[in-house]
Amino acid sequence: MDTLKCQGSIFRTRSTAGQRSSACWMGQRVGRAICGVASVSQITIQPSNNNHMHISSSPPVPEAHPAPPPGVLPPIGAYNNIVSLGAAKAAMPAWKTFLMGVMAGCYISFGGFLAIMLATMCSGLGVTSPILTRLVMGALFPFGLLVTLVCGAELYTGNTALVTAAVLENKATVQGLLKNWSCSYLGNLVGSLAMVAVVSATGLLPVSPTGVAASMAVAKSSLPFGQAFVRGVLCNWLVCSAVWMASAATSLPGKAVAAYLPVMAFITLGLEHSVANMFMCTLGIVQGAPVSWATFLTGNLLPVTLGNTFAGAVCMAGAYALCFGAIGKALSSRPAAAPTAPQQPAAA
């Protein structure tokens, strides 16, 4: 009898252990099955004293995904990006700024070469409808600026806004600004003159004092100083806005659209860009335009350069420094003057 009791006790012990082992095995199977939804909810399996499993779930935890970059930076973000770019340009060595300036002069000249070539092929259209010729030239010229922005080069007209913004935010020095402006301007001039020599050597454009390039050189060099200056202001205002928007865009299509529209507008409107004129007017003089170098330099390049500089430094960098920069914040935080009490008349 005692033996049977002992065996019964052993049996019950083994049965209980088997149930617990089975419960653990089932718990493992359930755990493997819910691994696929572990990211949705966290499930905890706890065995109890009565051999039952309690499954408790916590609220789902969303997975953290990095936010996708926006297609274009907001205005204040675009300004901060411009300041960073300007600071980098101001810190660039002089030789590198000059070399990249030569490349920018070549890229802009490629755009001018294409525009003049097309206008030459459509010379009859220009006689009957000059605006159509301007539209066609404006539709093709912007690719030079796009190459400059995407490949990387130092364009003087754009630097008048970028480096000035960095100086206004104390991210660059005036010395760095003058170094960048002088080296990029000289590089743009050398690149434009080199392209004039190369384009002339191709023989693709007819050498004629009445050709498109020669006619442009005569018309541009005949402008009064004030008109050339104002046209330079309006032109680089558009060009700097193109550089500004392209720098804010985070994709190549966005940069292309940003660079295309303002540049097409300034070509169609007949405004004046100093670096473009370095190529176009010089090519016209080489082709026989009745314009002296002195007349071109003093009658066009000088006032246009001054107008371009004013637009970049004042109309773009200065204006947005007031809107988003330290200067504007300082003006906004300045306490208002307390109103003064009216003076009482003296008693008689």
C-alpha atoms as a PDB file:
ATOM      1  CA  MET A   1       0.000   0.000   0.000  1.00  0.00           C
ATOM      2  CA  ASP A   2       2.802   2.289   0.923  1.00  0.00           C
ATOM      3  CA  THR A   3       4.503   1.363  -2.291  1.00  0.00           C
ATOM      4  CA  LEU A   4       1.427   2.308  -4.309  1.00  0.00           C
ATOM      5  CA  LYS A   5       1.175   5.632  -2.539  1.00  0.00           C
ATOM      6  CA  CYS A   6       4.808   6.261  -3.227  1.00  0.00           C
ATOM      7  CA  GLN A   7       4.395   5.373  -6.877  1.00  0.00           C
ATOM      8  CA  GLY A   8       1.304   7.562  -7.121  1.00  0.00           C
ATOM      9  CA  SER A   9       3.208  10.447  -5.657  1.00  0.00           C
ATOM     10  CA  ILE A  10       6.053   9.914  -8.118  1.00  0.00           C
ATOM     11  CA  PHE A  11       3.544   9.752 -10.965  1.00  0.00           C
ATOM     12  CA  ARG A  12       1.873  12.970  -9.914  1.00  0.00           C
ATOM     13  CA  THR A  13       5.279  14.672  -9.621  1.00  0.00           C
ATOM     14  CA  ARG A  14       6.312  13.537 -13.081  1.00  0.00           C
ATOM     15  CA  SER A  15       2.927  14.575 -14.495  1.00  0.00           C
ATOM     16  CA  THR A  16       3.249  18.035 -12.992  1.00  0.00           C
ATOM     17  CA  ALA A  17       6.783  18.392 -14.323  1.00  0.00           C
ATOM     18  CA  GLY A  18       5.605  17.256 -17.733  1.00  0.00           C
ATOM     19  CA  GLN A  19       2.830  19.802 -17.743  1.00  0.00           C
ATOM     20  CA  ARG A  20       5.277  22.535 -16.819  1.00  0.00           C
ATOM     21  CA  SER A  21       7.681  21.370 -19.522  1.00  0.00           C
ATOM     22  CA  SER A  22       4.819  21.326 -22.007  1.00  0.00           C
ATOM     23  CA  ALA A  23       3.791  24.826 -20.922  1.00  0.00           C
ATOM     24  CA  CYS A  24       7.349  26.080 -21.425  1.00  0.00           C
ATOM     25  CA  TRP A  25       7.523  24.416 -24.829  1.00  0.00           C
ATOM     26  CA  MET A  26       4.208  26.000 -25.824  1.00  0.00           C
ATOM     27  CA  GLY A  27       5.440  29.343 -24.557  1.00  0.00           C
ATOM     28  CA  GLN A  28       8.521  29.078 -26.762  1.00  0.00           C
ATOM     29  CA  ARG A  29       6.390  28.217 -29.797  1.00  0.00           C
ATOM     30  CA  VAL A  30       4.078  31.146 -29.136  1.00  0.00           C
ATOM     31  CA  GLY A  31       7.089  33.428 -28.693  1.00  0.00           C
ATOM     32  CA  ARG A  32       8.493  32.378 -32.051  1.00  0.00           C
ATOM     33  CA  ALA A  33       5.106  32.895 -33.690  1.00  0.00           C
ATOM     34  CA  ILE A  34       4.737  36.450 -32.435  1.00  0.00           C
ATOM     35  CA  CYS A  35       8.257  37.542 -33.381  1.00  0.00           C
ATOM     36  CA  GLY A  36       6.885  38.942 -36.642  1.00  0.00           C
ATOM     37  CA  VAL A  37       4.559  41.305 -34.790  1.00  0.00           C
ATOM     38  CA  ALA A  38       6.983  42.221 -32.048  1.00  0.00           C
ATOM     39  CA  SER A  39       7.508  45.605 -33.663  1.00  0.00           C
ATOM     40  CA  VAL A  40       3.751  46.281 -33.443  1.00  0.00           C
ATOM     41  CA  SER A  41       3.189  45.312 -29.807  1.00  0.00           C
ATOM     42  CA  GLN A  42       5.318  43.851 -27.064  1.00  0.00           C
ATOM     43  CA  ILE A  43       3.828  40.642 -25.617  1.00  0.00           C
ATOM     44  CA  THR A  44       4.978  39.142 -22.324  1.00  0.00           C
ATOM     45  CA  ILE A  45       4.214  35.506 -21.398  1.00  0.00           C
ATOM     46  CA  GLN A  46       4.260  34.734 -17.697  1.00  0.00           C
ATOM     47  CA  PRO A  47       3.595  31.274 -16.252  1.00  0.00           C
ATOM     48  CA  SER A  48       1.348  31.173 -13.158  1.00  0.00           C
ATOM     49  CA  ASN A  49       1.104  28.759 -10.278  1.00  0.00           C
ATOM     50  CA  ASN A  50      -1.916  26.989 -11.761  1.00  0.00           C
ATOM     51  CA  ASN A  51      -0.028  26.099 -14.972  1.00  0.00           C
ATOM     52  CA  HIS A  52      -1.811  28.764 -17.070  1.00  0.00           C
ATOM     53  CA  MET A  53      -0.049  31.349 -19.213  1.00  0.00           C
ATOM     54  CA  HIS A  54      -0.947  35.029 -18.937  1.00  0.00           C
ATOM     55  CA  ILE A  55      -0.239  37.103 -22.064  1.00  0.00           C
ATOM     56  CA  SER A  56      -0.009  40.836 -21.514  1.00  0.00           C
ATOM     57  CA  SER A  57       0.564  43.331 -24.316  1.00  0.00           C
ATOM     58  CA  SER A  58       1.910  46.854 -24.156  1.00  0.00           C
ATOM     59  CA  PRO A  59       0.825  49.684 -26.490  1.00  0.00           C
ATOM     60  CA  PRO A  60       2.429  49.518 -29.962  1.00  0.00           C
ATOM     61  CA  VAL A  61       5.709  51.376 -30.299  1.00  0.00           C
ATOM     62  CA  PRO A  62       6.035  53.131 -33.673  1.00  0.00           C
ATOM     63  CA  GLU A  63       9.269  52.593 -35.534  1.00  0.00           C
ATOM     64  CA  ALA A  64      11.500  55.629 -35.850  1.00  0.00           C
ATOM     65  CA  HIS A  65      12.139  56.557 -39.471  1.00  0.00           C
ATOM     66  CA  PRO A  66      14.352  59.474 -40.500  1.00  0.00           C
ATOM     67  CA  ALA A  67      12.355  62.354 -41.879  1.00  0.00           C
ATOM     68  CA  PRO A  68      12.777  62.683 -45.651  1.00  0.00           C
ATOM     69  CA  PRO A  69      14.608  65.824 -46.728  1.00  0.00           C
ATOM     70  CA  PRO A  70      12.349  68.579 -48.015  1.00  0.00           C
ATOM     71  CA  GLY A  71      12.413  69.478 -51.677  1.00  0.00           C
ATOM     72  CA  VAL A  72      13.437  73.016 -50.862  1.00  0.00           C
ATOM     73  CA  LEU A  73      14.631  74.717 -47.698  1.00  0.00           C
ATOM     74  CA  PRO A  74      12.363  77.280 -46.041  1.00  0.00           C
ATOM     75  CA  PRO A  75      13.403  80.933 -46.475  1.00  0.00           C
ATOM     76  CA  ILE A  76      15.261  81.199 -43.173  1.00  0.00           C
ATOM     77  CA  GLY A  77      16.957  77.861 -43.807  1.00  0.00           C
ATOM     78  CA  ALA A  78      17.924  79.033 -47.282  1.00  0.00           C
ATOM     79  CA  TYR A  79      19.475  82.170 -45.789  1.00  0.00           C
ATOM     80  CA  ASN A  80      21.493  80.159 -43.267  1.00  0.00           C
ATOM     81  CA  ASN A  81      22.683  77.902 -46.079  1.00  0.00           C
ATOM     82  CA  ILE A  82      23.737  80.952 -48.106  1.00  0.00           C
ATOM     83  CA  VAL A  83      25.720  82.239 -45.137  1.00  0.00           C
ATOM     84  CA  SER A  84      27.533  78.906 -44.804  1.00  0.00           C
ATOM     85  CA  LEU A  85      28.334  78.825 -48.507  1.00  0.00           C
ATOM     86  CA  GLY A  86      29.592  82.404 -48.406  1.00  0.00           C
ATOM     87  CA  ALA A  87      31.837  81.666 -45.436  1.00  0.00           C
ATOM     88  CA  ALA A  88      33.359  78.712 -47.287  1.00  0.00           C
ATOM     89  CA  LYS A  89      33.970  80.862 -50.358  1.00  0.00           C
ATOM     90  CA  ALA A  90      35.641  83.585 -48.304  1.00  0.00           C
ATOM     91  CA  ALA A  91      37.963  81.031 -46.698  1.00  0.00           C
ATOM     92  CA  MET A  92      38.979  79.489 -50.034  1.00  0.00           C
ATOM     93  CA  PRO A  93      42.600  80.055 -51.130  1.00  0.00           C
ATOM     94  CA  ALA A  94      43.127  82.777 -53.715  1.00  0.00           C
ATOM     95  CA  TRP A  95      44.545  80.429 -56.362  1.00  0.00           C
ATOM     96  CA  LYS A  96      41.571  78.086 -56.050  1.00  0.00           C
ATOM     97  CA  THR A  97      39.091  80.947 -56.250  1.00  0.00           C
ATOM     98  CA  PHE A  98      40.826  82.216 -59.384  1.00  0.00           C
ATOM     99  CA  LEU A  99      40.877  78.783 -61.035  1.00  0.00           C
ATOM    100  CA  MET A 100      37.221  78.151 -60.274  1.00  0.00           C
ATOM    101  CA  GLY A 101      36.504  81.679 -61.506  1.00  0.00           C
ATOM    102  CA  VAL A 102      38.081  80.762 -64.854  1.00  0.00           C
ATOM    103  CA  MET A 103      35.804  77.727 -65.002  1.00  0.00           C
ATOM    104  CA  ALA A 104      32.736  79.851 -64.261  1.00  0.00           C
ATOM    105  CA  GLY A 105      33.711  82.278 -67.034  1.00  0.00           C
ATOM    106  CA  CYS A 106      33.938  79.356 -69.449  1.00  0.00           C
ATOM    107  CA  TYR A 107      30.588  77.893 -68.387  1.00  0.00           C
ATOM    108  CA  ILE A 108      28.747  81.201 -68.745  1.00  0.00           C
ATOM    109  CA  SER A 109      30.451  81.684 -72.125  1.00  0.00           C
ATOM    110  CA  PHE A 110      29.148  78.309 -73.289  1.00  0.00           C
ATOM    111  CA  GLY A 111      25.643  79.593 -72.609  1.00  0.00           C
ATOM    112  CA  GLY A 112      26.390  82.795 -74.493  1.00  0.00           C
ATOM    113  CA  PHE A 113      27.903  80.855 -77.388  1.00  0.00           C
ATOM    114  CA  LEU A 114      24.792  78.723 -77.718  1.00  0.00           C
ATOM    115  CA  ALA A 115      22.490  81.739 -77.539  1.00  0.00           C
ATOM    116  CA  ILE A 116      24.457  83.685 -80.177  1.00  0.00           C
ATOM    117  CA  MET A 117      24.672  80.647 -82.448  1.00  0.00           C
ATOM    118  CA  LEU A 118      20.923  80.158 -82.353  1.00  0.00           C
ATOM    119  CA  ALA A 119      20.224  83.855 -82.859  1.00  0.00           C
ATOM    120  CA  THR A 120      22.546  83.806 -85.881  1.00  0.00           C
ATOM    121  CA  MET A 121      20.692  80.870 -87.376  1.00  0.00           C
ATOM    122  CA  CYS A 122      17.374  82.650 -86.764  1.00  0.00           C
ATOM    123  CA  SER A 123      18.494  86.078 -87.963  1.00  0.00           C
ATOM    124  CA  GLY A 124      15.456  86.431 -90.216  1.00  0.00           C
ATOM    125  CA  LEU A 125      13.177  85.836 -87.255  1.00  0.00           C
ATOM    126  CA  GLY A 126      14.895  88.607 -85.367  1.00  0.00           C
ATOM    127  CA  VAL A 127      14.080  91.123 -88.076  1.00  0.00           C
ATOM    128  CA  THR A 128      10.360  90.363 -88.107  1.00  0.00           C
ATOM    129  CA  SER A 129       9.909  89.616 -84.381  1.00  0.00           C
ATOM    130  CA  PRO A 130      12.838  90.526 -82.094  1.00  0.00           C
ATOM    131  CA  ILE A 131      11.041  89.312 -78.959  1.00  0.00           C
ATOM    132  CA  LEU A 132      10.993  85.759 -80.321  1.00  0.00           C
ATOM    133  CA  THR A 133      14.759  85.874 -80.767  1.00  0.00           C
ATOM    134  CA  ARG A 134      15.135  87.048 -77.174  1.00  0.00           C
ATOM    135  CA  LEU A 135      12.873  84.272 -75.963  1.00  0.00           C
ATOM    136  CA  VAL A 136      14.885  81.658 -77.836  1.00  0.00           C
ATOM    137  CA  MET A 137      18.169  83.039 -76.489  1.00  0.00           C
ATOM    138  CA  GLY A 138      16.723  83.202 -72.986  1.00  0.00           C
ATOM    139  CA  ALA A 139      15.528  79.612 -73.218  1.00  0.00           C
ATOM    140  CA  LEU A 140      19.058  78.304 -73.888  1.00  0.00           C
ATOM    141  CA  PHE A 141      21.417  80.647 -72.068  1.00  0.00           C
ATOM    142  CA  PRO A 142      20.563  79.475 -68.476  1.00  0.00           C
ATOM    143  CA  PHE A 143      22.307  76.125 -68.850  1.00  0.00           C
ATOM    144  CA  GLY A 144      25.637  77.901 -68.287  1.00  0.00           C
ATOM    145  CA  LEU A 145      24.552  78.969 -64.792  1.00  0.00           C
ATOM    146  CA  LEU A 146      23.215  75.491 -64.046  1.00  0.00           C
ATOM    147  CA  VAL A 147      26.569  73.923 -64.924  1.00  0.00           C
ATOM    148  CA  THR A 148      28.288  76.511 -62.738  1.00  0.00           C
ATOM    149  CA  LEU A 149      26.090  75.710 -59.751  1.00  0.00           C
ATOM    150  CA  VAL A 150      26.085  71.924 -60.047  1.00  0.00           C
ATOM    151  CA  CYS A 151      29.709  71.329 -61.056  1.00  0.00           C
ATOM    152  CA  GLY A 152      31.040  74.030 -58.758  1.00  0.00           C
ATOM    153  CA  ALA A 153      32.652  77.278 -59.888  1.00  0.00           C
ATOM    154  CA  GLU A 154      33.143  80.830 -58.646  1.00  0.00           C
ATOM    155  CA  LEU A 155      30.828  83.306 -60.368  1.00  0.00           C
ATOM    156  CA  TYR A 156      31.462  86.890 -59.300  1.00  0.00           C
ATOM    157  CA  THR A 157      27.864  88.041 -59.632  1.00  0.00           C
ATOM    158  CA  GLY A 158      26.563  85.320 -57.328  1.00  0.00           C
ATOM    159  CA  ASN A 159      29.403  85.820 -54.854  1.00  0.00           C
ATOM    160  CA  THR A 160      28.372  89.434 -54.333  1.00  0.00           C
ATOM    161  CA  ALA A 161      25.359  88.077 -52.420  1.00  0.00           C
ATOM    162  CA  LEU A 162      26.777  84.925 -50.811  1.00  0.00           C
ATOM    163  CA  VAL A 163      29.993  86.300 -49.363  1.00  0.00           C
ATOM    164  CA  THR A 164      28.334  89.559 -48.302  1.00  0.00           C
ATOM    165  CA  ALA A 165      25.758  87.582 -46.311  1.00  0.00           C
ATOM    166  CA  ALA A 166      28.584  85.730 -44.548  1.00  0.00           C
ATOM    167  CA  VAL A 167      30.278  89.036 -43.674  1.00  0.00           C
ATOM    168  CA  LEU A 168      27.029  90.503 -42.310  1.00  0.00           C
ATOM    169  CA  GLU A 169      26.651  87.450 -40.049  1.00  0.00           C
ATOM    170  CA  ASN A 170      30.294  87.708 -38.871  1.00  0.00           C
ATOM    171  CA  LYS A 171      31.129  84.381 -40.540  1.00  0.00           C
ATOM    172  CA  ALA A 172      33.677  85.973 -42.882  1.00  0.00           C
ATOM    173  CA  THR A 173      35.910  89.011 -42.914  1.00  0.00           C
ATOM    174  CA  VAL A 174      35.957  91.975 -45.247  1.00  0.00           C
ATOM    175  CA  GLN A 175      39.431  90.887 -46.300  1.00  0.00           C
ATOM    176  CA  GLY A 176      38.081  87.487 -47.299  1.00  0.00           C
ATOM    177  CA  LEU A 177      35.269  89.177 -49.218  1.00  0.00           C
ATOM    178  CA  LEU A 178      37.663  91.386 -51.193  1.00  0.00           C
ATOM    179  CA  LYS A 179      39.893  88.395 -51.943  1.00  0.00           C
ATOM    180  CA  ASN A 180      36.958  86.370 -53.227  1.00  0.00           C
ATOM    181  CA  TRP A 181      35.498  89.174 -55.302  1.00  0.00           C
ATOM    182  CA  SER A 182      38.772  90.179 -56.949  1.00  0.00           C
ATOM    183  CA  CYS A 183      39.960  86.623 -57.679  1.00  0.00           C
ATOM    184  CA  SER A 184      36.589  85.417 -58.971  1.00  0.00           C
ATOM    185  CA  TYR A 185      36.109  88.520 -61.136  1.00  0.00           C
ATOM    186  CA  LEU A 186      39.574  88.212 -62.637  1.00  0.00           C
ATOM    187  CA  GLY A 187      39.035  84.496 -63.190  1.00  0.00           C
ATOM    188  CA  ASN A 188      35.691  85.135 -64.909  1.00  0.00           C
ATOM    189  CA  LEU A 189      37.395  87.628 -67.227  1.00  0.00           C
ATOM    190  CA  VAL A 190      40.218  85.247 -68.118  1.00  0.00           C
ATOM    191  CA  GLY A 191      37.780  82.376 -68.758  1.00  0.00           C
ATOM    192  CA  SER A 192      35.576  84.563 -70.954  1.00  0.00           C
ATOM    193  CA  LEU A 193      38.501  85.830 -73.039  1.00  0.00           C
ATOM    194  CA  ALA A 194      39.797  82.281 -73.439  1.00  0.00           C
ATOM    195  CA  MET A 195      36.402  81.162 -74.699  1.00  0.00           C
ATOM    196  CA  VAL A 196      36.331  84.048 -77.189  1.00  0.00           C
ATOM    197  CA  ALA A 197      39.621  82.790 -78.634  1.00  0.00           C
ATOM    198  CA  VAL A 198      38.391  79.203 -78.771  1.00  0.00           C
ATOM    199  CA  VAL A 199      35.011  80.084 -80.318  1.00  0.00           C
ATOM    200  CA  SER A 200      36.708  82.277 -82.934  1.00  0.00           C
ATOM    201  CA  ALA A 201      39.003  79.379 -83.804  1.00  0.00           C
ATOM    202  CA  THR A 202      36.052  77.051 -84.456  1.00  0.00           C
ATOM    203  CA  GLY A 203      34.810  79.070 -87.435  1.00  0.00           C
ATOM    204  CA  LEU A 204      31.227  78.259 -86.500  1.00  0.00           C
ATOM    205  CA  LEU A 205      30.176  81.895 -86.326  1.00  0.00           C
ATOM    206  CA  PRO A 206      30.461  84.170 -89.369  1.00  0.00           C
ATOM    207  CA  VAL A 207      32.969  86.980 -88.930  1.00  0.00           C
ATOM    208  CA  SER A 208      30.915  90.040 -89.778  1.00  0.00           C
ATOM    209  CA  PRO A 209      30.644  93.535 -88.294  1.00  0.00           C
ATOM    210  CA  THR A 210      26.890  93.203 -88.676  1.00  0.00           C
ATOM    211  CA  GLY A 211      26.595  89.786 -87.024  1.00  0.00           C
ATOM    212  CA  VAL A 212      24.667  89.076 -83.850  1.00  0.00           C
ATOM    213  CA  ALA A 213      27.641  89.388 -81.501  1.00  0.00           C
ATOM    214  CA  ALA A 214      28.904  92.569 -83.178  1.00  0.00           C
ATOM    215  CA  SER A 215      25.456  94.163 -83.066  1.00  0.00           C
ATOM    216  CA  MET A 216      25.146  93.274 -79.368  1.00  0.00           C
ATOM    217  CA  ALA A 217      28.541  94.842 -78.635  1.00  0.00           C
ATOM    218  CA  VAL A 218      27.524  98.087 -80.334  1.00  0.00           C
ATOM    219  CA  ALA A 219      24.144  98.255 -78.584  1.00  0.00           C
ATOM    220  CA  LYS A 220      25.490  97.411 -75.132  1.00  0.00           C
ATOM    221  CA  SER A 221      28.433  99.829 -75.334  1.00  0.00           C
ATOM    222  CA  SER A 222      26.163 102.670 -76.462  1.00  0.00           C
ATOM    223  CA  LEU A 223      24.032 102.697 -73.307  1.00  0.00           C
ATOM    224  CA  PRO A 224      24.170 105.747 -71.050  1.00  0.00           C
ATOM    225  CA  PHE A 225      26.014 105.095 -67.794  1.00  0.00           C
ATOM    226  CA  GLY A 226      22.869 105.336 -65.663  1.00  0.00           C
ATOM    227  CA  GLN A 227      20.854 102.967 -67.832  1.00  0.00           C
ATOM    228  CA  ALA A 228      23.648 100.398 -67.861  1.00  0.00           C
ATOM    229  CA  PHE A 229      23.900 100.639 -64.069  1.00  0.00           C
ATOM    230  CA  VAL A 230      20.173 100.149 -63.482  1.00  0.00           C
ATOM    231  CA  ARG A 231      20.013  97.276 -65.964  1.00  0.00           C
ATOM    232  CA  GLY A 232      22.931  95.700 -64.099  1.00  0.00           C
ATOM    233  CA  VAL A 233      21.063  96.047 -60.794  1.00  0.00           C
ATOM    234  CA  LEU A 234      17.920  94.390 -62.113  1.00  0.00           C
ATOM    235  CA  CYS A 235      19.887  91.676 -63.892  1.00  0.00           C
ATOM    236  CA  ASN A 236      21.916  90.507 -60.930  1.00  0.00           C
ATOM    237  CA  TRP A 237      18.912  90.753 -58.652  1.00  0.00           C
ATOM    238  CA  LEU A 238      17.411  88.004 -60.802  1.00  0.00           C
ATOM    239  CA  VAL A 239      20.679  86.078 -61.103  1.00  0.00           C
ATOM    240  CA  CYS A 240      21.265  86.124 -57.332  1.00  0.00           C
ATOM    241  CA  SER A 241      17.696  84.981 -56.744  1.00  0.00           C
ATOM    242  CA  ALA A 242      18.417  82.080 -59.105  1.00  0.00           C
ATOM    243  CA  VAL A 243      21.587  81.183 -57.180  1.00  0.00           C
ATOM    244  CA  TRP A 244      19.690  81.609 -53.897  1.00  0.00           C
ATOM    245  CA  MET A 245      16.839  79.304 -54.895  1.00  0.00           C
ATOM    246  CA  ALA A 246      19.122  76.726 -56.511  1.00  0.00           C
ATOM    247  CA  SER A 247      21.169  76.568 -53.304  1.00  0.00           C
ATOM    248  CA  ALA A 248      17.967  75.965 -51.339  1.00  0.00           C
ATOM    249  CA  ALA A 249      16.839  73.125 -53.623  1.00  0.00           C
ATOM    250  CA  THR A 250      17.877  69.599 -52.627  1.00  0.00           C
ATOM    251  CA  SER A 251      17.462  67.901 -56.005  1.00  0.00           C
ATOM    252  CA  LEU A 252      18.891  68.419 -59.479  1.00  0.00           C
ATOM    253  CA  PRO A 253      15.464  69.107 -61.063  1.00  0.00           C
ATOM    254  CA  GLY A 254      14.803  71.688 -58.366  1.00  0.00           C
ATOM    255  CA  LYS A 255      18.124  73.398 -59.000  1.00  0.00           C
ATOM    256  CA  ALA A 256      17.470  73.391 -62.748  1.00  0.00           C
ATOM    257  CA  VAL A 257      14.070  75.055 -62.416  1.00  0.00           C
ATOM    258  CA  ALA A 258      15.437  77.595 -59.919  1.00  0.00           C
ATOM    259  CA  ALA A 259      18.323  78.542 -62.192  1.00  0.00           C
ATOM    260  CA  TYR A 260      16.292  78.543 -65.388  1.00  0.00           C
ATOM    261  CA  LEU A 261      13.430  80.948 -64.843  1.00  0.00           C
ATOM    262  CA  PRO A 262      15.202  84.075 -63.497  1.00  0.00           C
ATOM    263  CA  VAL A 263      18.040  83.829 -66.028  1.00  0.00           C
ATOM    264  CA  MET A 264      15.615  83.366 -68.898  1.00  0.00           C
ATOM    265  CA  ALA A 265      13.799  86.456 -67.637  1.00  0.00           C
ATOM    266  CA  PHE A 266      16.867  88.704 -67.619  1.00  0.00           C
ATOM    267  CA  ILE A 267      17.896  87.645 -71.126  1.00  0.00           C
ATOM    268  CA  THR A 268      14.397  88.190 -72.488  1.00  0.00           C
ATOM    269  CA  LEU A 269      14.114  91.583 -70.760  1.00  0.00           C
ATOM    270  CA  GLY A 270      17.428  92.756 -72.195  1.00  0.00           C
ATOM    271  CA  LEU A 271      19.206  93.342 -68.856  1.00  0.00           C
ATOM    272  CA  GLU A 272      22.973  93.500 -68.385  1.00  0.00           C
ATOM    273  CA  HIS A 273      25.221  90.829 -66.825  1.00  0.00           C
ATOM    274  CA  SER A 274      28.890  91.701 -66.482  1.00  0.00           C
ATOM    275  CA  VAL A 275      30.313  88.191 -66.916  1.00  0.00           C
ATOM    276  CA  ALA A 276      28.065  87.427 -69.899  1.00  0.00           C
ATOM    277  CA  ASN A 277      29.112  90.731 -71.477  1.00  0.00           C
ATOM    278  CA  MET A 278      32.771  89.812 -71.027  1.00  0.00           C
ATOM    279  CA  PHE A 279      32.180  87.087 -73.587  1.00  0.00           C
ATOM    280  CA  MET A 280      29.488  88.530 -75.846  1.00  0.00           C
ATOM    281  CA  CYS A 281      30.890  92.050 -76.284  1.00  0.00           C
ATOM    282  CA  THR A 282      34.466  90.837 -76.615  1.00  0.00           C
ATOM    283  CA  LEU A 283      33.383  88.339 -79.271  1.00  0.00           C
ATOM    284  CA  GLY A 284      31.592  91.135 -81.106  1.00  0.00           C
ATOM    285  CA  ILE A 285      34.714  93.331 -81.025  1.00  0.00           C
ATOM    286  CA  VAL A 286      36.823  90.456 -82.339  1.00  0.00           C
ATOM    287  CA  GLN A 287      34.314  89.967 -85.161  1.00  0.00           C
ATOM    288  CA  GLY A 288      34.695  93.558 -86.251  1.00  0.00           C
ATOM    289  CA  ALA A 289      32.217  95.637 -84.234  1.00  0.00           C
ATOM    290  CA  PRO A 290      33.074  99.345 -84.406  1.00  0.00           C
ATOM    291  CA  VAL A 291      33.623  99.523 -80.646  1.00  0.00           C
ATOM    292  CA  SER A 292      36.938 100.279 -78.958  1.00  0.00           C
ATOM    293  CA  TRP A 293      38.110  98.429 -75.880  1.00  0.00           C
ATOM    294  CA  ALA A 294      38.014 101.648 -73.860  1.00  0.00           C
ATOM    295  CA  THR A 295      34.412 102.307 -74.882  1.00  0.00           C
ATOM    296  CA  PHE A 296      33.374  98.797 -73.877  1.00  0.00           C
ATOM    297  CA  LEU A 297      35.199  98.934 -70.536  1.00  0.00           C
ATOM    298  CA  THR A 298      33.960 102.370 -69.465  1.00  0.00           C
ATOM    299  CA  GLY A 299      30.605 102.456 -71.231  1.00  0.00           C
ATOM    300  CA  ASN A 300      29.371  98.969 -70.365  1.00  0.00           C
ATOM    301  CA  LEU A 301      31.533  96.747 -68.195  1.00  0.00           C
ATOM    302  CA  LEU A 302      32.166  99.317 -65.455  1.00  0.00           C
ATOM    303  CA  PRO A 303      28.572 100.498 -64.861  1.00  0.00           C
ATOM    304  CA  VAL A 304      27.179  96.990 -65.278  1.00  0.00           C
ATOM    305  CA  THR A 305      29.677  95.585 -62.768  1.00  0.00           C
ATOM    306  CA  LEU A 306      28.747  98.300 -60.267  1.00  0.00           C
ATOM    307  CA  GLY A 307      25.053  97.570 -60.759  1.00  0.00           C
ATOM    308  CA  ASN A 308      25.591  93.823 -60.383  1.00  0.00           C
ATOM    309  CA  THR A 309      27.540  94.381 -57.172  1.00  0.00           C
ATOM    310  CA  PHE A 310      24.878  96.659 -55.703  1.00  0.00           C
ATOM    311  CA  ALA A 311      22.138  94.134 -56.420  1.00  0.00           C
ATOM    312  CA  GLY A 312      23.953  91.218 -54.822  1.00  0.00           C
ATOM    313  CA  ALA A 313      25.247  93.057 -51.767  1.00  0.00           C
ATOM    314  CA  VAL A 314      22.252  95.279 -51.016  1.00  0.00           C
ATOM    315  CA  CYS A 315      19.114  93.964 -52.722  1.00  0.00           C
ATOM    316  CA  MET A 316      19.741  90.329 -51.744  1.00  0.00           C
ATOM    317  CA  ALA A 317      22.279  89.934 -48.919  1.00  0.00           C
ATOM    318  CA  GLY A 318      21.450  93.169 -47.115  1.00  0.00           C
ATOM    319  CA  ALA A 319      17.693  92.765 -47.388  1.00  0.00           C
ATOM    320  CA  TYR A 320      17.651  89.170 -46.138  1.00  0.00           C
ATOM    321  CA  ALA A 321      20.118  89.953 -43.378  1.00  0.00           C
ATOM    322  CA  LEU A 322      17.487  92.386 -42.077  1.00  0.00           C
ATOM    323  CA  CYS A 323      14.771  89.745 -42.428  1.00  0.00           C
ATOM    324  CA  PHE A 324      16.514  86.650 -41.052  1.00  0.00           C
ATOM    325  CA  GLY A 325      19.980  87.649 -39.851  1.00  0.00           C
ATOM    326  CA  ALA A 326      21.598  89.057 -36.755  1.00  0.00           C
ATOM    327  CA  ILE A 327      21.022  92.652 -37.834  1.00  0.00           C
ATOM    328  CA  GLY A 328      17.277  92.142 -38.041  1.00  0.00           C
ATOM    329  CA  LYS A 329      17.176  90.315 -34.710  1.00  0.00           C
ATOM    330  CA  ALA A 330      19.094  93.131 -33.058  1.00  0.00           C
ATOM    331  CA  LEU A 331      16.650  95.681 -34.420  1.00  0.00           C
ATOM    332  CA  SER A 332      13.664  93.599 -33.326  1.00  0.00           C
ATOM    333  CA  SER A 333      14.968  93.141 -29.769  1.00  0.00           C
ATOM    334  CA  ARG A 334      15.714  96.811 -29.256  1.00  0.00           C
ATOM    335  CA  PRO A 335      13.378  98.118 -26.505  1.00  0.00           C
ATOM    336  CA  ALA A 336      10.924 100.753 -27.542  1.00  0.00           C
ATOM    337  CA  ALA A 337      11.455 104.202 -26.152  1.00  0.00           C
ATOM    338  CA  ALA A 338       9.184 105.012 -23.217  1.00  0.00           C
ATOM    339  CA  PRO A 339       6.657 107.728 -23.961  1.00  0.00           C
ATOM    340  CA  THR A 340       7.468 111.025 -22.315  1.00  0.00           C
ATOM    341  CA  ALA A 341       4.896 112.658 -20.125  1.00  0.00           C
ATOM    342  CA  PRO A 342       3.549 115.956 -21.391  1.00  0.00           C
ATOM    343  CA  GLN A 343       5.041 118.948 -19.627  1.00  0.00           C
ATOM    344  CA  GLN A 344       2.708 120.930 -17.432  1.00  0.00           C
ATOM    345  CA  PRO A 345       2.613 124.666 -18.025  1.00  0.00           C
ATOM    346  CA  ALA A 346       4.381 126.670 -15.375  1.00  0.00           C
ATOM    347  CA  ALA A 347       2.144 128.324 -12.831  1.00  0.00           C
ATOM    348  CA  ALA A 348       1.843 132.061 -13.150  1.00  0.00           C
END
